[in-house]
Amino acid sequence: MKTKKVAGVEVPADLDMNGFESGKHAEPNYSFRLNLIEDARDKINLYFEKTSAFNRKTNSYGLKHRIEGAIGHHLANGELIVAMIGEGYRFERMGINCRFNVSSRSVKELL
């Protein structure tokens, strides 16, 4: 798998602001906002817990909405993915989105 660095995090090369392989759906956008990725990482570290299995109840797009509420700013799907990978979460791709090994309980607690 080809990779690149975004905000100091090694991510798949086809990840952009919208998610994985978004060029199939829209013009790719690589204008990642590093300050928002760092803010998201802080909240992920504070609120979310890792599990051994992938969470089948939510995906990166759903998680981005939870983190947006915590940081008070719009966050792109790709920025959330970078932040989660940067905090050591494993991912399983699902088209433009992905699943993570994040606890459902910890996600529910972040309303």
Protein backbone atom coordinates (compact mmCIF):
# COMPACT_ATOMS: atom_id res chain seq x y z
CA MET A 1 0.00 0.00 0.00
CA LYS A 2 1.37 3.40 -0.98
CA THR A 3 1.42 5.93 1.83
CA LYS A 4 2.05 9.61 2.45
CA LYS A 5 2.43 11.81 5.52
CA VAL A 6 -0.31 14.20 6.62
CA ALA A 7 0.17 16.14 9.86
CA GLY A 8 3.07 13.81 10.68
CA VAL A 9 0.84 10.72 10.32
CA GLU A 10 1.49 7.94 7.79
CA VAL A 11 -1.78 7.44 5.86
CA PRO A 12 -2.81 5.71 2.61
CA ALA A 13 -1.83 7.74 -0.45
CA ASP A 14 -5.41 7.87 -1.79
CA LEU A 15 -6.77 9.65 1.30
CA ASP A 16 -7.90 13.24 0.81
CA MET A 17 -10.20 15.62 2.71
CA ASN A 18 -13.31 13.68 1.66
CA GLY A 19 -12.00 10.20 2.47
CA PHE A 20 -10.55 7.30 0.50
CA GLU A 21 -10.53 7.33 -3.31
CA SER A 22 -12.84 10.34 -3.33
CA GLY A 23 -11.56 11.27 -6.78
CA LYS A 24 -14.10 8.79 -8.10
CA HIS A 25 -16.86 11.07 -6.75
CA ALA A 26 -15.42 14.60 -6.71
CA GLU A 27 -12.24 16.53 -7.42
CA PRO A 28 -9.63 15.42 -4.83
CA ASN A 29 -8.91 17.99 -2.13
CA TYR A 30 -5.62 17.76 -0.22
CA SER A 31 -6.01 20.99 1.81
CA PHE A 32 -5.84 19.30 5.21
CA ARG A 33 -6.16 21.72 8.13
CA LEU A 34 -3.43 20.68 10.52
CA ASN A 35 -4.78 22.68 13.47
CA LEU A 36 -8.15 20.90 13.25
CA ILE A 37 -6.47 17.50 12.97
CA GLU A 38 -4.54 18.28 16.17
CA ASP A 39 -7.73 19.44 17.93
CA ALA A 40 -9.48 16.25 16.83
CA ARG A 41 -6.59 14.11 18.08
CA ASP A 42 -6.84 15.77 21.49
CA LYS A 43 -10.57 14.93 21.73
CA ILE A 44 -10.10 11.40 20.39
CA ASN A 45 -7.43 10.78 23.01
CA LEU A 46 -9.65 12.25 25.72
CA TYR A 47 -12.96 10.53 24.87
CA PHE A 48 -12.49 7.41 22.72
CA GLU A 49 -11.26 3.97 23.76
CA LYS A 50 -9.70 1.30 21.55
CA THR A 51 -11.12 -2.22 21.23
CA SER A 52 -9.77 -5.34 19.58
CA ALA A 53 -12.61 -5.51 17.02
CA PHE A 54 -13.80 -3.00 14.46
CA ASN A 55 -16.93 -1.09 15.43
CA ARG A 56 -19.66 -2.09 12.97
CA LYS A 57 -22.16 0.45 14.37
CA THR A 58 -20.44 3.60 13.12
CA ASN A 59 -17.91 4.72 10.54
CA SER A 60 -15.56 7.63 9.94
CA TYR A 61 -18.35 9.89 8.71
CA GLY A 62 -20.44 9.30 11.84
CA LEU A 63 -17.42 9.77 14.11
CA LYS A 64 -16.49 13.04 12.43
CA HIS A 65 -19.85 14.49 13.49
CA ARG A 66 -19.19 13.48 17.11
CA ILE A 67 -15.75 15.09 17.09
CA GLU A 68 -17.07 18.23 15.34
CA GLY A 69 -19.35 18.79 18.31
CA ALA A 70 -16.43 18.44 20.70
CA ILE A 71 -14.08 20.81 18.85
CA GLY A 72 -16.75 23.30 17.74
CA HIS A 73 -15.67 23.35 14.07
CA HIS A 74 -16.49 21.53 10.85
CA LEU A 75 -14.11 18.61 10.30
CA ALA A 76 -13.72 16.79 7.01
CA ASN A 77 -14.04 13.00 6.84
CA GLY A 78 -10.40 12.71 5.74
CA GLU A 79 -9.21 14.88 8.61
CA LEU A 80 -11.02 12.63 11.10
CA ILE A 81 -9.40 9.57 9.48
CA VAL A 82 -5.92 11.14 9.79
CA ALA A 83 -6.59 11.99 13.44
CA MET A 84 -7.83 8.48 14.30
CA ILE A 85 -4.87 6.81 12.58
CA GLY A 86 -2.55 9.27 14.32
CA GLU A 87 -3.97 8.18 17.68
CA GLY A 88 -3.17 4.54 16.89
CA TYR A 89 -6.57 3.27 15.74
CA ARG A 90 -6.67 0.53 13.14
CA PHE A 91 -9.02 1.02 10.19
CA GLU A 92 -11.04 -1.08 7.77
CA ARG A 93 -11.92 0.65 4.54
CA MET A 94 -15.55 0.88 3.33
CA GLY A 95 -15.47 2.86 0.11
CA ILE A 96 -14.88 6.53 0.88
CA ASN A 97 -15.33 5.89 4.66
CA CYS A 98 -13.82 3.40 7.09
CA ARG A 99 -14.46 1.67 10.40
CA PHE A 100 -12.18 1.87 13.41
CA ASN A 101 -11.50 -0.28 16.46
CA VAL A 102 -13.28 2.21 18.72
CA SER A 103 -15.56 1.36 21.63
CA SER A 104 -19.29 1.97 21.03
CA ARG A 105 -19.67 2.97 24.66
CA SER A 106 -17.02 5.69 24.38
CA VAL A 107 -18.59 7.00 21.15
CA LYS A 108 -22.04 7.18 22.77
CA GLU A 109 -20.62 9.11 25.72
CA LEU A 110 -19.48 11.88 23.38
CA LEU A 111 -22.81 13.53 22.50
